[in-house]
PDB file of N, CA and C in Angstrom:
ATOM      1  N   UNK A   1       0.860  -1.161  -0.008  1.00  0.00           N
ATOM      2  CA  UNK A   1       0.117   0.099   0.018  1.00  0.00           C
ATOM      3  C   UNK A   1       0.993   1.251  -0.115  1.00  0.00           C
ATOM      4  N   UNK A   2       0.433   2.233  -0.962  1.00  0.00           N
ATOM      5  CA  UNK A   2       1.407   3.386  -0.890  1.00  0.00           C
ATOM      6  C   UNK A   2       0.570   4.623  -0.309  1.00  0.00           C
ATOM      7  N   UNK A   3       1.321   5.406   0.448  1.00  0.00           N
ATOM      8  CA  UNK A   3       0.674   6.660   1.105  1.00  0.00           C
ATOM      9  C   UNK A   3       0.995   7.536   0.262  1.00  0.00           C
ATOM     10  N   UNK A   4      -0.221   8.520  -0.141  1.00  0.00           N
ATOM     11  CA  UNK A   4       0.013   9.789  -0.959  1.00  0.00           C
ATOM     12  C   UNK A   4      -0.359  10.841  -0.221  1.00  0.00           C
ATOM     13  N   UNK A   5       0.318  11.873  -0.423  1.00  0.00           N
ATOM     14  CA  UNK A   5       0.097  13.176   0.411  1.00  0.00           C
ATOM     15  C   UNK A   5      -0.122  14.226  -0.749  1.00  0.00           C
ATOM     16  N   UNK A   6      -1.386  14.778  -0.457  1.00  0.00           N
ATOM     17  CA  UNK A   6      -1.801  15.950  -1.397  1.00  0.00           C
ATOM     18  C   UNK A   6      -1.179  17.107  -0.947  1.00  0.00           C
ATOM     19  N   UNK A   7      -0.375  17.762  -1.804  1.00  0.00           N
ATOM     20  CA  UNK A   7       0.311  18.944  -1.415  1.00  0.00           C
ATOM     21  C   UNK A   7      -0.724  20.177  -1.749  1.00  0.00           C
ATOM     22  N   UNK A   8      -0.724  21.076  -0.747  1.00  0.00           N
ATOM     23  CA  UNK A   8      -1.564  22.263  -0.804  1.00  0.00           C
ATOM     24  C   UNK A   8      -1.099  23.444  -1.965  1.00  0.00           C
ATOM     25  N   UNK A   9       0.176  23.338  -2.078  1.00  0.00           N
ATOM     26  CA  UNK A   9       0.743  24.335  -3.046  1.00  0.00           C
ATOM     27  C   UNK A   9       1.491  23.391  -4.266  1.00  0.00           C
ATOM     28  N   UNK A  10       1.600  24.129  -5.229  1.00  0.00           N
ATOM     29  CA  UNK A  10       2.429  23.400  -6.315  1.00  0.00           C
ATOM     30  C   UNK A  10       3.757  23.431  -6.189  1.00  0.00           C
ATOM     31  N   UNK A  11       4.557  22.406  -6.813  1.00  0.00           N
ATOM     32  CA  UNK A  11       6.052  22.313  -6.898  1.00  0.00           C
ATOM     33  C   UNK A  11       6.544  23.612  -7.062  1.00  0.00           C
ATOM     34  N   UNK A  12       6.195  24.234  -8.057  1.00  0.00           N
ATOM     35  CA  UNK A  12       6.734  25.576  -8.443  1.00  0.00           C
ATOM     36  C   UNK A  12       6.637  26.518  -7.426  1.00  0.00           C
ATOM     37  N   UNK A  13       5.646  26.593  -6.677  1.00  0.00           N
ATOM     38  CA  UNK A  13       5.305  27.637  -5.571  1.00  0.00           C
ATOM     39  C   UNK A  13       6.266  27.253  -4.417  1.00  0.00           C
ATOM     40  N   UNK A  14       6.352  25.877  -4.122  1.00  0.00           N
ATOM     41  CA  UNK A  14       7.127  25.487  -3.065  1.00  0.00           C
ATOM     42  C   UNK A  14       8.702  25.743  -3.416  1.00  0.00           C
ATOM     43  N   UNK A  15       9.272  25.472  -4.485  1.00  0.00           N
ATOM     44  CA  UNK A  15      10.461  25.768  -4.900  1.00  0.00           C
ATOM     45  C   UNK A  15      10.955  27.291  -4.931  1.00  0.00           C
ATOM     46  N   UNK A  16       9.999  27.987  -5.544  1.00  0.00           N
ATOM     47  CA  UNK A  16      10.056  29.404  -5.552  1.00  0.00           C
ATOM     48  C   UNK A  16      10.211  30.035  -4.087  1.00  0.00           C
ATOM     49  N   UNK A  17       9.303  29.674  -3.239  1.00  0.00           N
ATOM     50  CA  UNK A  17       9.477  30.042  -1.912  1.00  0.00           C
ATOM     51  C   UNK A  17      10.744  29.509  -1.076  1.00  0.00           C
ATOM     52  N   UNK A  18      11.214  28.296  -1.316  1.00  0.00           N
ATOM     53  CA  UNK A  18      12.442  27.865  -0.656  1.00  0.00           C
ATOM     54  C   UNK A  18      13.652  28.712  -1.218  1.00  0.00           C
ATOM     55  N   UNK A  19      13.627  28.888  -2.430  1.00  0.00           N
ATOM     56  CA  UNK A  19      14.907  29.622  -3.081  1.00  0.00           C
ATOM     57  C   UNK A  19      14.797  31.050  -2.483  1.00  0.00           C
ATOM     58  N   UNK A  20      13.593  31.763  -2.336  1.00  0.00           N
ATOM     59  CA  UNK A  20      13.698  33.075  -1.753  1.00  0.00           C
ATOM     60  C   UNK A  20      14.060  33.085  -0.209  1.00  0.00           C
ATOM     61  N   UNK A  21      13.532  31.998   0.378  1.00  0.00           N
ATOM     62  CA  UNK A  21      13.855  32.069   1.940  1.00  0.00           C
ATOM     63  C   UNK A  21      15.289  31.827   2.159  1.00  0.00           C
ATOM     64  N   UNK A  22      15.914  30.936   1.414  1.00  0.00           N
ATOM     65  CA  UNK A  22      17.447  30.661   1.482  1.00  0.00           C
ATOM     66  C   UNK A  22      18.239  31.732   1.096  1.00  0.00           C
ATOM     67  N   UNK A  23      17.907  32.387  -0.037  1.00  0.00           N
ATOM     68  CA  UNK A  23      18.569  33.685  -0.345  1.00  0.00           C
ATOM     69  C   UNK A  23      18.600  34.753   0.668  1.00  0.00           C
ATOM     70  N   UNK A  24      17.385  34.946   1.176  1.00  0.00           N
ATOM     71  CA  UNK A  24      17.271  35.946   2.506  1.00  0.00           C
ATOM     72  C   UNK A  24      18.176  35.501   3.619  1.00  0.00           C
ATOM     73  N   UNK A  25      18.143  34.271   3.903  1.00  0.00           N
ATOM     74  CA  UNK A  25      18.816  33.636   4.862  1.00  0.00           C
ATOM     75  C   UNK A  25      20.577  33.999   4.605  1.00  0.00           C
ATOM     76  N   UNK A  26      20.936  33.914   3.476  1.00  0.00           N
ATOM     77  CA  UNK A  26      22.242  33.909   3.141  1.00  0.00           C
ATOM     78  C   UNK A  26      22.537  35.302   3.198  1.00  0.00           C
ATOM     79  N   UNK A  27      21.712  36.372   3.006  1.00  0.00           N
ATOM     80  CA  UNK A  27      21.913  37.874   3.119  1.00  0.00           C
ATOM     81  C   UNK A  27      22.411  38.117   4.492  1.00  0.00           C
ATOM     82  N   UNK A  28      21.727  37.336   5.445  1.00  0.00           N
ATOM     83  CA  UNK A  28      21.815  37.780   6.991  1.00  0.00           C
ATOM     84  C   UNK A  28      23.085  37.119   7.562  1.00  0.00           C
ATOM     85  N   UNK A  29      23.651  36.103   6.827  1.00  0.00           N
ATOM     86  CA  UNK A  29      24.779  35.394   7.408  1.00  0.00           C
ATOM     87  C   UNK A  29      26.132  36.052   6.885  1.00  0.00           C
ATOM     88  N   UNK A  30      26.972  35.801   8.002  1.00  0.00           N
ATOM     89  CA  UNK A  30      28.421  36.329   7.553  1.00  0.00           C
ATOM     90  C   UNK A  30      29.062  35.405   6.479  1.00  0.00           C
ATOM     91  N   UNK A  31      30.036  35.798   5.738  1.00  0.00           N
ATOM     92  CA  UNK A  31      30.690  34.960   4.907  1.00  0.00           C
ATOM     93  C   UNK A  31      31.131  33.829   5.610  1.00  0.00           C
ATOM     94  N   UNK A  32      31.020  32.715   4.856  1.00  0.00           N
ATOM     95  CA  UNK A  32      31.560  31.419   5.492  1.00  0.00           C
ATOM     96  C   UNK A  32      30.653  30.209   4.831  1.00  0.00           C
ATOM     97  N   UNK A  33      30.921  29.123   5.453  1.00  0.00           N
ATOM     98  CA  UNK A  33      30.400  27.769   5.007  1.00  0.00           C
ATOM     99  C   UNK A  33      28.896  27.829   5.057  1.00  0.00           C
ATOM    100  N   UNK A  34      28.148  28.080   6.018  1.00  0.00           N
ATOM    101  CA  UNK A  34      26.802  28.274   6.375  1.00  0.00           C
ATOM    102  C   UNK A  34      26.227  28.972   5.158  1.00  0.00           C
ATOM    103  N   UNK A  35      26.695  30.264   4.924  1.00  0.00           N
ATOM    104  CA  UNK A  35      26.290  31.071   3.978  1.00  0.00           C
ATOM    105  C   UNK A  35      26.365  30.410   2.454  1.00  0.00           C
ATOM    106  N   UNK A  36      27.403  29.724   2.280  1.00  0.00           N
ATOM    107  CA  UNK A  36      27.681  29.147   0.995  1.00  0.00           C
ATOM    108  C   UNK A  36      26.732  27.901   0.953  1.00  0.00           C
ATOM    109  N   UNK A  37      26.601  27.319   1.854  1.00  0.00           N
ATOM    110  CA  UNK A  37      25.243  26.099   1.848  1.00  0.00           C
ATOM    111  C   UNK A  37      24.015  26.736   1.409  1.00  0.00           C
ATOM    112  N   UNK A  38      23.455  27.831   2.013  1.00  0.00           N
ATOM    113  CA  UNK A  38      22.309  28.486   1.872  1.00  0.00           C
ATOM    114  C   UNK A  38      22.236  28.817   0.369  1.00  0.00           C
ATOM    115  N   UNK A  39      23.302  29.387  -0.208  1.00  0.00           N
ATOM    116  CA  UNK A  39      23.321  29.954  -1.638  1.00  0.00           C
ATOM    117  C   UNK A  39      23.338  28.648  -2.462  1.00  0.00           C
ATOM    118  N   UNK A  40      23.926  27.575  -2.120  1.00  0.00           N
ATOM    119  CA  UNK A  40      23.926  26.421  -2.920  1.00  0.00           C
ATOM    120  C   UNK A  40      22.592  25.854  -3.094  1.00  0.00           C
ATOM    121  N   UNK A  41      21.877  25.620  -1.845  1.00  0.00           N
ATOM    122  CA  UNK A  41      20.584  25.174  -1.762  1.00  0.00           C
ATOM    123  C   UNK A  41      19.681  26.138  -2.597  1.00  0.00           C
ATOM    124  N   UNK A  42      19.657  27.293  -2.558  1.00  0.00           N
ATOM    125  CA  UNK A  42      18.796  28.181  -3.268  1.00  0.00           C
ATOM    126  C   UNK A  42      18.991  27.896  -4.796  1.00  0.00           C
ATOM    127  N   UNK A  43      20.318  27.850  -5.269  1.00  0.00           N
ATOM    128  CA  UNK A  43      20.504  27.625  -6.649  1.00  0.00           C
ATOM    129  C   UNK A  43      20.014  26.160  -6.932  1.00  0.00           C
ATOM    130  N   UNK A  44      20.022  25.292  -6.173  1.00  0.00           N
ATOM    131  CA  UNK A  44      19.411  23.857  -6.429  1.00  0.00           C
ATOM    132  C   UNK A  44      17.903  23.980  -6.535  1.00  0.00           C
ATOM    133  N   UNK A  45      17.204  24.722  -5.802  1.00  0.00           N
ATOM    134  CA  UNK A  45      15.902  25.023  -5.892  1.00  0.00           C
ATOM    135  C   UNK A  45      15.494  25.697  -7.163  1.00  0.00           C
ATOM    136  N   UNK A  46      16.338  26.618  -7.641  1.00  0.00           N
ATOM    137  CA  UNK A  46      16.203  27.404  -8.927  1.00  0.00           C
ATOM    138  C   UNK A  46      16.457  26.478  -9.860  1.00  0.00           C
ATOM    139  N   UNK A  47      17.304  25.620  -9.811  1.00  0.00           N
ATOM    140  CA  UNK A  47      17.595  24.570 -11.027  1.00  0.00           C
ATOM    141  C   UNK A  47      16.358  23.610 -11.187  1.00  0.00           C
ATOM    142  N   UNK A  48      15.809  23.302 -10.043  1.00  0.00           N
ATOM    143  CA  UNK A  48      14.560  22.454 -10.037  1.00  0.00           C
ATOM    144  C   UNK A  48      13.579  23.256 -10.676  1.00  0.00           C
ATOM    145  N   UNK A  49      13.259  24.429 -10.520  1.00  0.00           N
ATOM    146  CA  UNK A  49      12.255  25.099 -11.239  1.00  0.00           C
ATOM    147  C   UNK A  49      12.524  25.144 -12.758  1.00  0.00           C
ATOM    148  N   UNK A  50      13.705  25.415 -13.214  1.00  0.00           N
ATOM    149  CA  UNK A  50      14.179  25.341 -14.531  1.00  0.00           C
ATOM    150  C   UNK A  50      13.745  24.088 -15.333  1.00  0.00           C
ATOM    151  N   UNK A  51      14.289  23.072 -14.510  1.00  0.00           N
ATOM    152  CA  UNK A  51      14.073  21.665 -15.141  1.00  0.00           C
ATOM    153  C   UNK A  51      12.592  21.431 -15.170  1.00  0.00           C
ATOM    154  N   UNK A  52      11.850  21.605 -14.103  1.00  0.00           N
ATOM    155  CA  UNK A  52      10.436  21.468 -14.180  1.00  0.00           C
ATOM    156  C   UNK A  52       9.612  22.129 -15.337  1.00  0.00           C
ATOM    157  N   UNK A  53      10.088  23.377 -15.559  1.00  0.00           N
ATOM    158  CA  UNK A  53       9.515  24.083 -16.729  1.00  0.00           C
ATOM    159  C   UNK A  53       9.885  23.421 -18.096  1.00  0.00           C
ATOM    160  N   UNK A  54      11.198  23.097 -17.977  1.00  0.00           N
ATOM    161  CA  UNK A  54      11.574  22.442 -19.493  1.00  0.00           C
ATOM    162  C   UNK A  54      10.678  21.014 -19.556  1.00  0.00           C
ATOM    163  N   UNK A  55      10.408  20.406 -18.534  1.00  0.00           N
ATOM    164  CA  UNK A  55       9.802  19.145 -18.622  1.00  0.00           C
ATOM    165  C   UNK A  55       8.290  19.338 -18.819  1.00  0.00           C
ATOM    166  N   UNK A  56       7.656  20.524 -18.590  1.00  0.00           N
ATOM    167  CA  UNK A  56       6.323  20.847 -19.024  1.00  0.00           C
ATOM    168  C   UNK A  56       6.210  21.522 -20.238  1.00  0.00           C
ATOM    169  N   UNK A  57       7.420  21.994 -20.913  1.00  0.00           N
ATOM    170  CA  UNK A  57       7.265  22.609 -22.245  1.00  0.00           C
ATOM    171  C   UNK A  57       6.399  21.890 -23.145  1.00  0.00           C
ATOM    172  N   UNK A  58       5.629  22.547 -24.012  1.00  0.00           N
ATOM    173  CA  UNK A  58       4.971  21.772 -25.102  1.00  0.00           C
ATOM    174  C   UNK A  58       5.827  21.254 -26.123  1.00  0.00           C
ATOM    175  N   UNK A  59       6.988  21.903 -26.395  1.00  0.00           N
ATOM    176  CA  UNK A  59       7.825  21.307 -27.271  1.00  0.00           C
ATOM    177  C   UNK A  59       8.680  19.982 -26.953  1.00  0.00           C
ATOM    178  N   UNK A  60       8.541  19.602 -25.695  1.00  0.00           N
ATOM    179  CA  UNK A  60       9.330  18.374 -25.216  1.00  0.00           C
ATOM    180  C   UNK A  60       8.366  17.109 -25.746  1.00  0.00           C
ATOM    181  N   UNK A  61       8.935  16.141 -26.362  1.00  0.00           N
ATOM    182  CA  UNK A  61       8.216  14.995 -26.654  1.00  0.00           C
ATOM    183  C   UNK A  61       9.120  13.726 -26.244  1.00  0.00           C
ATOM    184  N   UNK A  62       8.346  12.745 -26.059  1.00  0.00           N
ATOM    185  CA  UNK A  62       8.849  11.473 -25.719  1.00  0.00           C
ATOM    186  C   UNK A  62       9.720  10.881 -26.784  1.00  0.00           C
ATOM    187  N   UNK A  63      10.772  10.248 -26.531  1.00  0.00           N
ATOM    188  CA  UNK A  63      11.552   9.534 -27.686  1.00  0.00           C
ATOM    189  C   UNK A  63      10.705   8.484 -28.228  1.00  0.00           C
ATOM    190  N   UNK A  64      10.970   8.085 -29.462  1.00  0.00           N
ATOM    191  CA  UNK A  64      10.320   7.226 -30.204  1.00  0.00           C
ATOM    192  C   UNK A  64      11.127   6.077 -30.545  1.00  0.00           C
TER     193      UNK A  64
END
């Protein structure tokens, strides 16, 4: 049996919010490893947004 969780917000909304939150957090941190980790995670969320947009694009077709 598989548990399914219904998300209240879309993937795009969650990734956008996470990227913004992490960028704001990074602004408040002094230069260092924790700040770099926050920036890296924000970039990963933004990359996820781009990949998701690419996958949903109408020009994308399944290989034949």
